[in-house]
Amino acid sequence: MYVIIVGGGEVGYYLSRELIEAGHEVLVIEPDPREVERMEQELGVNTTMIGEGCRIQCLNEAGVSRADVFIAATDADENNLAACQLAMLKYKVPRVIAKLNRAHNRNIFRKLGIEHTVDLSDLLLENFKAQIPAFPFARVLTLGDVDMEVVQIRVTEDSPLVNKTIGETPLSRLAHSTCLSRMGAAPQPVSDSTRLEMGDTLVCVVARSDVEELRSHLSKIQPPV
């Protein structure tokens, strides 16, 4: 697989290293000659080139027309958007992925046809939340190919899930797959008759379009009887 990465920063460097170690052909486009020299010393020759990833001449020299995957990973959303649009519209690259530096730009990318974006700050925030008991709901993984997300749900004392069966909760309708971990045990699949207890942890696969609806249902704390 031939992968082109625009941006030789931390993300571009570690991603290219992993891909090269996995046996893929990789080219990193980076405007800073010092970064290019450093990466070639560490990753090998012919793995980088000096250039701007949103310039047609540079993309032609990089052979974008034969790329299987194109990743724009600079620190500027406008550059990532321009590079991805060129790769998608002019060069017809099958898979185009953009690093998203500002979450509020996600809708702009999608409106312009860039469906696959990675928001590092959002991923970091959600992973922190998954480790903190005070947050009962956290998104931990995006399954881009099927437009699904993996979410973690903690059943806390004031959760509307306590003492309910799966079939009595929105999980039966919104979650495509649910596993339950109780008292630190390995997660096990559940059925509609599984009754939830305080302290349970659920791992669910949910359509991206349904994540906020599920979060909304679970945030409705029932008043004490």
Foldseek 3Di string as FASTA:
>chain_A
DEEEEEDLPPVNLVVLQVCVVVPYHAEYEAQDPVSVVVSCVVPNPPRYDHDQLLDPVVCVVVVLLPHQEYEYEHLDPVSLLSNQLCSCPVSVRPYYEYEDDDVVCQVVSVVSPNPHYHDVVLQVVLVVLVVDPVRQKGWHAAPRVVQKTKMKGAQAPQWPQAFAFQLVACCVVFFPWKWKDAPNDDTDTGDRRHRDHHGIMMITIGRNVCRVVNVVRRVPGDDDD
